PDB file of N, CA and C in Angstrom:
ATOM      1  N   MET A   1       0.628   6.683  11.568  1.00  0.00           N
ATOM      2  CA  MET A   1       2.092   6.133  10.599  1.00  0.00           C
ATOM      3  C   MET A   1       3.420   6.594  10.851  1.00  0.00           C
ATOM      4  N   VAL A   2       4.312   5.502  11.013  1.00  0.00           N
ATOM      5  CA  VAL A   2       5.602   6.322  11.165  1.00  0.00           C
ATOM      6  C   VAL A   2       6.200   6.223  10.385  1.00  0.00           C
ATOM      7  N   VAL A   3       7.029   7.324  10.190  1.00  0.00           N
ATOM      8  CA  VAL A   3       8.119   7.452   8.944  1.00  0.00           C
ATOM      9  C   VAL A   3       9.581   7.114   9.702  1.00  0.00           C
ATOM     10  N   PRO A   4      10.457   6.064   9.420  1.00  0.00           N
ATOM     11  CA  PRO A   4      11.849   6.401   9.970  1.00  0.00           C
ATOM     12  C   PRO A   4      12.444   7.569   9.931  1.00  0.00           C
ATOM     13  N   GLN A   5      13.264   7.676  11.336  1.00  0.00           N
ATOM     14  CA  GLN A   5      13.928   8.929  11.131  1.00  0.00           C
ATOM     15  C   GLN A   5      14.605   9.470  10.321  1.00  0.00           C
ATOM     16  N   ALA A   6      15.673   8.514   9.569  1.00  0.00           N
ATOM     17  CA  ALA A   6      16.256   8.591   8.782  1.00  0.00           C
ATOM     18  C   ALA A   6      15.821   9.163   7.226  1.00  0.00           C
ATOM     19  N   ALA A   7      14.429   8.315   6.751  1.00  0.00           N
ATOM     20  CA  ALA A   7      13.567   8.983   6.024  1.00  0.00           C
ATOM     21  C   ALA A   7      12.933   9.769   5.792  1.00  0.00           C
ATOM     22  N   ALA A   8      12.954  10.550   7.161  1.00  0.00           N
ATOM     23  CA  ALA A   8      11.945  11.547   7.145  1.00  0.00           C
ATOM     24  C   ALA A   8      13.151  12.944   6.890  1.00  0.00           C
ATOM     25  N   ARG A   9      13.948  12.919   6.960  1.00  0.00           N
ATOM     26  CA  ARG A   9      15.165  13.700   6.729  1.00  0.00           C
ATOM     27  C   ARG A   9      15.925  13.776   5.489  1.00  0.00           C
ATOM     28  N   THR A  10      15.296  13.292   4.547  1.00  0.00           N
ATOM     29  CA  THR A  10      15.815  12.593   3.562  1.00  0.00           C
ATOM     30  C   THR A  10      15.651  14.253   2.757  1.00  0.00           C
ATOM     31  N   SER A  11      16.494  14.564   1.649  1.00  0.00           N
ATOM     32  CA  SER A  11      16.296  15.836   0.696  1.00  0.00           C
ATOM     33  C   SER A  11      15.545  15.198  -0.648  1.00  0.00           C
ATOM     34  N   ALA A  12      15.919  13.688  -0.638  1.00  0.00           N
ATOM     35  CA  ALA A  12      15.242  13.342  -1.852  1.00  0.00           C
ATOM     36  C   ALA A  12      13.760  13.039  -2.143  1.00  0.00           C
ATOM     37  N   GLY A  13      13.149  12.924  -0.423  1.00  0.00           N
ATOM     38  CA  GLY A  13      11.769  13.151  -1.014  1.00  0.00           C
ATOM     39  C   GLY A  13      11.074  11.835  -0.215  1.00  0.00           C
ATOM     40  N   LEU A  14       9.918  11.612  -0.387  1.00  0.00           N
ATOM     41  CA  LEU A  14       9.323  10.345   0.260  1.00  0.00           C
ATOM     42  C   LEU A  14       8.227  10.141  -0.166  1.00  0.00           C
ATOM     43  N   ILE A  15       7.949   8.703  -0.576  1.00  0.00           N
ATOM     44  CA  ILE A  15       6.261   8.146  -0.753  1.00  0.00           C
ATOM     45  C   ILE A  15       5.911   7.224   0.144  1.00  0.00           C
ATOM     46  N   ILE A  16       4.996   8.067   1.133  1.00  0.00           N
ATOM     47  CA  ILE A  16       4.287   7.460   2.019  1.00  0.00           C
ATOM     48  C   ILE A  16       2.822   6.306   1.713  1.00  0.00           C
ATOM     49  N   ALA A  17       3.247   5.341   1.594  1.00  0.00           N
ATOM     50  CA  ALA A  17       1.829   4.622   1.433  1.00  0.00           C
ATOM     51  C   ALA A  17       1.100   4.280   2.643  1.00  0.00           C
ATOM     52  N   LEU A  18      -0.134   4.680   2.278  1.00  0.00           N
ATOM     53  CA  LEU A  18      -1.297   4.851   2.970  1.00  0.00           C
ATOM     54  C   LEU A  18      -1.908   3.439   3.200  1.00  0.00           C
ATOM     55  N   PRO A  19      -2.239   2.908   4.434  1.00  0.00           N
ATOM     56  CA  PRO A  19      -2.821   1.803   4.778  1.00  0.00           C
ATOM     57  C   PRO A  19      -4.430   1.302   3.692  1.00  0.00           C
ATOM     58  N   LYS A  20      -4.316   0.030   3.873  1.00  0.00           N
ATOM     59  CA  LYS A  20      -5.747  -0.374   2.286  1.00  0.00           C
ATOM     60  C   LYS A  20      -6.747  -0.107   3.028  1.00  0.00           C
ATOM     61  N   GLU A  21      -6.702  -0.307   4.602  1.00  0.00           N
ATOM     62  CA  GLU A  21      -8.017  -0.235   5.123  1.00  0.00           C
ATOM     63  C   GLU A  21      -8.730   1.472   5.060  1.00  0.00           C
ATOM     64  N   VAL A  22      -7.488   2.397   4.787  1.00  0.00           N
ATOM     65  CA  VAL A  22      -7.727   3.536   5.098  1.00  0.00           C
ATOM     66  C   VAL A  22      -7.911   3.727   3.240  1.00  0.00           C
ATOM     67  N   THR A  23      -7.273   3.541   2.403  1.00  0.00           N
ATOM     68  CA  THR A  23      -7.492   4.151   1.113  1.00  0.00           C
ATOM     69  C   THR A  23      -8.569   3.004  -0.016  1.00  0.00           C
ATOM     70  N   ALA A  24      -9.111   1.916   0.798  1.00  0.00           N
ATOM     71  CA  ALA A  24      -9.850   1.119   0.005  1.00  0.00           C
ATOM     72  C   ALA A  24     -11.338   1.552  -0.752  1.00  0.00           C
ATOM     73  N   GLN A  25     -11.752   2.252  -0.121  1.00  0.00           N
ATOM     74  CA  GLN A  25     -12.852   3.222  -0.324  1.00  0.00           C
ATOM     75  C   GLN A  25     -12.407   4.421  -2.087  1.00  0.00           C
ATOM     76  N   THR A  26     -11.286   4.812  -1.785  1.00  0.00           N
ATOM     77  CA  THR A  26     -10.974   5.759  -2.884  1.00  0.00           C
ATOM     78  C   THR A  26     -11.148   4.873  -4.412  1.00  0.00           C
ATOM     79  N   GLN A  27     -10.804   3.258  -4.061  1.00  0.00           N
ATOM     80  CA  GLN A  27     -10.928   2.843  -5.447  1.00  0.00           C
ATOM     81  C   GLN A  27     -12.424   3.287  -6.120  1.00  0.00           C
ATOM     82  N   GLU A  28     -13.413   2.869  -4.984  1.00  0.00           N
ATOM     83  CA  GLU A  28     -14.637   3.109  -5.487  1.00  0.00           C
ATOM     84  C   GLU A  28     -15.473   4.235  -6.306  1.00  0.00           C
ATOM     85  N   VAL A  29     -14.789   5.418  -5.412  1.00  0.00           N
ATOM     86  CA  VAL A  29     -15.208   6.606  -5.527  1.00  0.00           C
ATOM     87  C   VAL A  29     -14.378   7.447  -6.718  1.00  0.00           C
ATOM     88  N   SER A  30     -14.790   7.617  -7.535  1.00  0.00           N
ATOM     89  CA  SER A  30     -13.595   8.352  -8.779  1.00  0.00           C
ATOM     90  C   SER A  30     -13.765  10.161  -8.195  1.00  0.00           C
ATOM     91  N   THR A  31     -14.459  10.738  -8.341  1.00  0.00           N
ATOM     92  CA  THR A  31     -14.737  11.984  -7.293  1.00  0.00           C
ATOM     93  C   THR A  31     -14.820  12.287  -5.849  1.00  0.00           C
ATOM     94  N   ASN A  32     -14.708  13.226  -5.719  1.00  0.00           N
ATOM     95  CA  ASN A  32     -14.700  14.038  -4.074  1.00  0.00           C
ATOM     96  C   ASN A  32     -14.057  13.115  -3.337  1.00  0.00           C
ATOM     97  N   VAL A  33     -12.681  12.934  -3.909  1.00  0.00           N
ATOM     98  CA  VAL A  33     -11.563  12.537  -2.892  1.00  0.00           C
ATOM     99  C   VAL A  33     -10.741  13.894  -2.698  1.00  0.00           C
ATOM    100  N   LYS A  34     -10.173  13.879  -1.497  1.00  0.00           N
ATOM    101  CA  LYS A  34      -9.229  14.936  -1.555  1.00  0.00           C
ATOM    102  C   LYS A  34      -8.506  14.777   0.152  1.00  0.00           C
ATOM    103  N   MET A  35      -7.568  15.384  -0.016  1.00  0.00           N
ATOM    104  CA  MET A  35      -6.640  15.242   1.127  1.00  0.00           C
ATOM    105  C   MET A  35      -5.930  16.632   1.584  1.00  0.00           C
ATOM    106  N   THR A  36      -6.560  17.151   2.992  1.00  0.00           N
ATOM    107  CA  THR A  36      -6.047  18.370   3.505  1.00  0.00           C
ATOM    108  C   THR A  36      -5.418  18.405   5.109  1.00  0.00           C
ATOM    109  N   LEU A  37      -4.956  19.285   5.506  1.00  0.00           N
ATOM    110  CA  LEU A  37      -4.194  19.286   6.388  1.00  0.00           C
ATOM    111  C   LEU A  37      -5.274  19.133   7.613  1.00  0.00           C
ATOM    112  N   ILE A  38      -5.234  19.256   9.033  1.00  0.00           N
ATOM    113  CA  ILE A  38      -6.141  18.723   9.699  1.00  0.00           C
ATOM    114  C   ILE A  38      -7.163  19.953   9.942  1.00  0.00           C
ATOM    115  N   ASN A  39      -6.780  21.003   9.762  1.00  0.00           N
ATOM    116  CA  ASN A  39      -7.887  22.199   9.501  1.00  0.00           C
ATOM    117  C   ASN A  39      -8.298  22.701   8.552  1.00  0.00           C
ATOM    118  N   ASP A  40      -8.650  21.533   7.559  1.00  0.00           N
ATOM    119  CA  ASP A  40      -8.981  21.791   6.243  1.00  0.00           C
ATOM    120  C   ASP A  40      -8.404  22.704   5.295  1.00  0.00           C
ATOM    121  N   GLN A  41      -7.144  23.136   5.918  1.00  0.00           N
ATOM    122  CA  GLN A  41      -6.240  23.825   4.704  1.00  0.00           C
ATOM    123  C   GLN A  41      -5.638  23.016   3.978  1.00  0.00           C
ATOM    124  N   PRO A  42      -5.487  23.379   2.543  1.00  0.00           N
ATOM    125  CA  PRO A  42      -4.524  22.840   1.699  1.00  0.00           C
ATOM    126  C   PRO A  42      -3.154  22.082   2.186  1.00  0.00           C
ATOM    127  N   LEU A  43      -2.711  20.818   1.320  1.00  0.00           N
ATOM    128  CA  LEU A  43      -1.351  20.228   1.895  1.00  0.00           C
ATOM    129  C   LEU A  43      -0.386  21.362   1.416  1.00  0.00           C
ATOM    130  N   PRO A  44       0.675  21.504   2.233  1.00  0.00           N
ATOM    131  CA  PRO A  44       2.186  22.432   1.976  1.00  0.00           C
ATOM    132  C   PRO A  44       2.451  21.882   0.493  1.00  0.00           C
ATOM    133  N   ASN A  45       2.965  22.830   0.071  1.00  0.00           N
ATOM    134  CA  ASN A  45       3.618  22.351  -1.329  1.00  0.00           C
ATOM    135  C   ASN A  45       4.633  21.264  -1.817  1.00  0.00           C
ATOM    136  N   TRP A  46       5.009  21.141  -0.441  1.00  0.00           N
ATOM    137  CA  TRP A  46       6.275  20.266  -0.534  1.00  0.00           C
ATOM    138  C   TRP A  46       5.658  18.624  -0.699  1.00  0.00           C
ATOM    139  N   VAL A  47       4.366  18.537  -0.454  1.00  0.00           N
ATOM    140  CA  VAL A  47       3.509  17.226  -0.218  1.00  0.00           C
ATOM    141  C   VAL A  47       2.631  17.110  -0.905  1.00  0.00           C
ATOM    142  N   ARG A  48       2.005  16.176  -1.529  1.00  0.00           N
ATOM    143  CA  ARG A  48       0.677  15.728  -2.311  1.00  0.00           C
ATOM    144  C   ARG A  48       0.216  14.274  -2.205  1.00  0.00           C
ATOM    145  N   PHE A  49      -1.076  14.315  -2.418  1.00  0.00           N
ATOM    146  CA  PHE A  49      -1.930  12.650  -2.326  1.00  0.00           C
ATOM    147  C   PHE A  49      -2.198  12.813  -3.463  1.00  0.00           C
ATOM    148  N   ASP A  50      -1.093  11.230  -3.802  1.00  0.00           N
ATOM    149  CA  ASP A  50      -1.342  10.719  -5.462  1.00  0.00           C
ATOM    150  C   ASP A  50      -2.164   9.567  -5.433  1.00  0.00           C
ATOM    151  N   THR A  51      -3.825  10.020  -5.839  1.00  0.00           N
ATOM    152  CA  THR A  51      -4.510   9.078  -5.593  1.00  0.00           C
ATOM    153  C   THR A  51      -4.034   7.556  -6.512  1.00  0.00           C
ATOM    154  N   LYS A  52      -3.542   7.551  -7.780  1.00  0.00           N
ATOM    155  CA  LYS A  52      -3.166   6.310  -7.991  1.00  0.00           C
ATOM    156  C   LYS A  52      -2.551   5.222  -7.120  1.00  0.00           C
ATOM    157  N   LEU A  53      -1.573   5.707  -6.447  1.00  0.00           N
ATOM    158  CA  LEU A  53      -0.281   5.478  -5.784  1.00  0.00           C
ATOM    159  C   LEU A  53      -1.265   5.290  -4.200  1.00  0.00           C
ATOM    160  N   ASN A  54      -2.161   5.974  -3.680  1.00  0.00           N
ATOM    161  CA  ASN A  54      -2.628   5.872  -2.859  1.00  0.00           C
ATOM    162  C   ASN A  54      -1.545   6.368  -1.442  1.00  0.00           C
ATOM    163  N   ALA A  55      -0.992   7.099  -1.733  1.00  0.00           N
ATOM    164  CA  ALA A  55       0.213   7.701  -0.997  1.00  0.00           C
ATOM    165  C   ALA A  55       0.378   9.121  -1.094  1.00  0.00           C
ATOM    166  N   LEU A  56       1.099   9.275   0.079  1.00  0.00           N
ATOM    167  CA  LEU A  56       1.286  10.688   0.364  1.00  0.00           C
ATOM    168  C   LEU A  56       2.782  11.231  -0.207  1.00  0.00           C
ATOM    169  N   VAL A  57       3.083  11.770  -1.398  1.00  0.00           N
ATOM    170  CA  VAL A  57       4.358  11.705  -1.862  1.00  0.00           C
ATOM    171  C   VAL A  57       5.099  13.270  -1.914  1.00  0.00           C
ATOM    172  N   THR A  58       6.253  13.311  -1.165  1.00  0.00           N
ATOM    173  CA  THR A  58       6.768  14.563  -0.622  1.00  0.00           C
ATOM    174  C   THR A  58       8.154  15.082  -1.659  1.00  0.00           C
ATOM    175  N   ASP A  59       8.297  15.902  -1.492  1.00  0.00           N
ATOM    176  CA  ASP A  59       9.726  16.620  -2.129  1.00  0.00           C
ATOM    177  C   ASP A  59      10.641  16.408  -1.345  1.00  0.00           C
ATOM    178  N   ALA A  60      11.671  17.511  -1.072  1.00  0.00           N
ATOM    179  CA  ALA A  60      12.337  17.611   0.173  1.00  0.00           C
ATOM    180  C   ALA A  60      11.639  17.838   1.509  1.00  0.00           C
ATOM    181  N   VAL A  61      11.526  17.014   2.188  1.00  0.00           N
ATOM    182  CA  VAL A  61      11.177  17.647   3.592  1.00  0.00           C
ATOM    183  C   VAL A  61      11.961  18.546   4.378  1.00  0.00           C
ATOM    184  N   PRO A  62      11.008  19.650   4.625  1.00  0.00           N
ATOM    185  CA  PRO A  62      11.639  20.745   5.185  1.00  0.00           C
ATOM    186  C   PRO A  62      12.077  19.974   7.298  1.00  0.00           C
ATOM    187  N   GLN A  63      12.739  20.879   7.770  1.00  0.00           N
ATOM    188  CA  GLN A  63      13.092  19.977   9.240  1.00  0.00           C
ATOM    189  C   GLN A  63      11.830  20.521   9.952  1.00  0.00           C
ATOM    190  N   ALA A  64      11.981  19.617  10.894  1.00  0.00           N
ATOM    191  CA  ALA A  64      10.698  19.916  12.114  1.00  0.00           C
ATOM    192  C   ALA A  64       9.243  19.658  11.147  1.00  0.00           C
ATOM    193  N   THR A  65       9.139  18.925  10.417  1.00  0.00           N
ATOM    194  CA  THR A  65       7.739  18.830   9.839  1.00  0.00           C
ATOM    195  C   THR A  65       6.893  17.887  10.456  1.00  0.00           C
ATOM    196  N   PHE A  66       7.429  16.812  11.062  1.00  0.00           N
ATOM    197  CA  PHE A  66       6.794  16.069  11.615  1.00  0.00           C
ATOM    198  C   PHE A  66       6.372  16.099  13.156  1.00  0.00           C
ATOM    199  N   PRO A  67       5.463  15.448  13.633  1.00  0.00           N
ATOM    200  CA  PRO A  67       4.205  14.976  13.196  1.00  0.00           C
ATOM    201  C   PRO A  67       3.362  16.005  12.172  1.00  0.00           C
ATOM    202  N   LEU A  68       2.887  15.096  11.127  1.00  0.00           N
ATOM    203  CA  LEU A  68       2.122  15.932  10.185  1.00  0.00           C
ATOM    204  C   LEU A  68       0.545  15.057  10.407  1.00  0.00           C
ATOM    205  N   THR A  69      -0.522  16.214  10.461  1.00  0.00           N
ATOM    206  CA  THR A  69      -1.824  15.696  10.481  1.00  0.00           C
ATOM    207  C   THR A  69      -2.297  15.845   9.422  1.00  0.00           C
ATOM    208  N   VAL A  70      -3.048  14.675   8.525  1.00  0.00           N
ATOM    209  CA  VAL A  70      -3.732  14.965   7.383  1.00  0.00           C
ATOM    210  C   VAL A  70      -5.312  14.708   7.376  1.00  0.00           C
ATOM    211  N   VAL A  71      -5.795  14.926   6.829  1.00  0.00           N
ATOM    212  CA  VAL A  71      -7.642  14.106   6.892  1.00  0.00           C
ATOM    213  C   VAL A  71      -7.953  13.780   5.114  1.00  0.00           C
ATOM    214  N   LEU A  72      -7.959  12.691   4.715  1.00  0.00           N
ATOM    215  CA  LEU A  72      -8.429  11.829   3.726  1.00  0.00           C
ATOM    216  C   LEU A  72      -9.818  11.638   3.545  1.00  0.00           C
ATOM    217  N   THR A  73     -10.748  12.526   2.745  1.00  0.00           N
ATOM    218  CA  THR A  73     -12.159  12.613   3.003  1.00  0.00           C
ATOM    219  C   THR A  73     -12.556  11.923   1.560  1.00  0.00           C
ATOM    220  N   VAL A  74     -13.290  10.800   1.561  1.00  0.00           N
ATOM    221  CA  VAL A  74     -13.642  10.187   0.613  1.00  0.00           C
ATOM    222  C   VAL A  74     -15.562  10.520   0.450  1.00  0.00           C
ATOM    223  N   GLY A  75     -15.881  11.246  -0.587  1.00  0.00           N
ATOM    224  CA  GLY A  75     -17.580  11.221  -0.215  1.00  0.00           C
ATOM    225  C   GLY A  75     -17.800  12.044   0.862  1.00  0.00           C
ATOM    226  N   ASN A  76     -18.558  11.599   1.972  1.00  0.00           N
ATOM    227  CA  ASN A  76     -18.538  12.589   3.304  1.00  0.00           C
ATOM    228  C   ASN A  76     -18.349  11.424   4.258  1.00  0.00           C
ATOM    229  N   GLN A  77     -17.008  10.602   4.210  1.00  0.00           N
ATOM    230  CA  GLN A  77     -16.268   9.904   5.273  1.00  0.00           C
ATOM    231  C   GLN A  77     -15.208  10.793   5.158  1.00  0.00           C
ATOM    232  N   ARG A  78     -14.095  10.967   6.875  1.00  0.00           N
ATOM    233  CA  ARG A  78     -13.323  11.707   6.764  1.00  0.00           C
ATOM    234  C   ARG A  78     -12.271  10.905   7.400  1.00  0.00           C
ATOM    235  N   THR A  79     -11.017  10.773   7.215  1.00  0.00           N
ATOM    236  CA  THR A  79     -10.289   9.835   8.076  1.00  0.00           C
ATOM    237  C   THR A  79      -8.961  10.520   8.640  1.00  0.00           C
ATOM    238  N   VAL A  80      -8.387  10.635   9.761  1.00  0.00           N
ATOM    239  CA  VAL A  80      -7.468  11.485  10.278  1.00  0.00           C
ATOM    240  C   VAL A  80      -6.164  10.274  10.071  1.00  0.00           C
ATOM    241  N   ILE A  81      -5.234  11.047   9.828  1.00  0.00           N
ATOM    242  CA  ILE A  81      -3.829  10.404   9.361  1.00  0.00           C
ATOM    243  C   ILE A  81      -2.719  11.166  10.235  1.00  0.00           C
ATOM    244  N   ARG A  82      -2.089  10.596  10.991  1.00  0.00           N
ATOM    245  CA  ARG A  82      -1.157  11.226  11.449  1.00  0.00           C
ATOM    246  C   ARG A  82      -0.108  10.550  11.197  1.00  0.00           C
ATOM    247  N   VAL A  83       1.053  11.238  10.734  1.00  0.00           N
ATOM    248  CA  VAL A  83       2.814  10.817  10.223  1.00  0.00           C
ATOM    249  C   VAL A  83       3.628  11.128  11.033  1.00  0.00           C
ATOM    250  N   THR A  84       4.065  10.455  11.700  1.00  0.00           N
ATOM    251  CA  THR A  84       5.451  10.447  12.420  1.00  0.00           C
ATOM    252  C   THR A  84       6.561  10.295  12.284  1.00  0.00           C
ATOM    253  N   GLU A  85       7.788  10.835  12.694  1.00  0.00           N
ATOM    254  CA  GLU A  85       9.009  10.019  12.576  1.00  0.00           C
ATOM    255  C   GLU A  85       9.251   8.698  14.041  1.00  0.00           C
TER     256      GLU A  85
END
């Protein structure tokens, strides 16, 4: 996924909608849905996964943040998502 450079540097935060192909399965599973960093660590405190929006929602984005690689896990299926400028 690519975030426009100007948007990636905003202090207002972002809503980064994930592709429907990736999030379709989250509608079917009410539990066991999580998003982590690629190394299975929790997301940084400035970003969260909103299951209702199926989007990454950020506060002000720190400098030199992107690329950001996250993993969406639904049940036993893992999908790697790389967000870049």
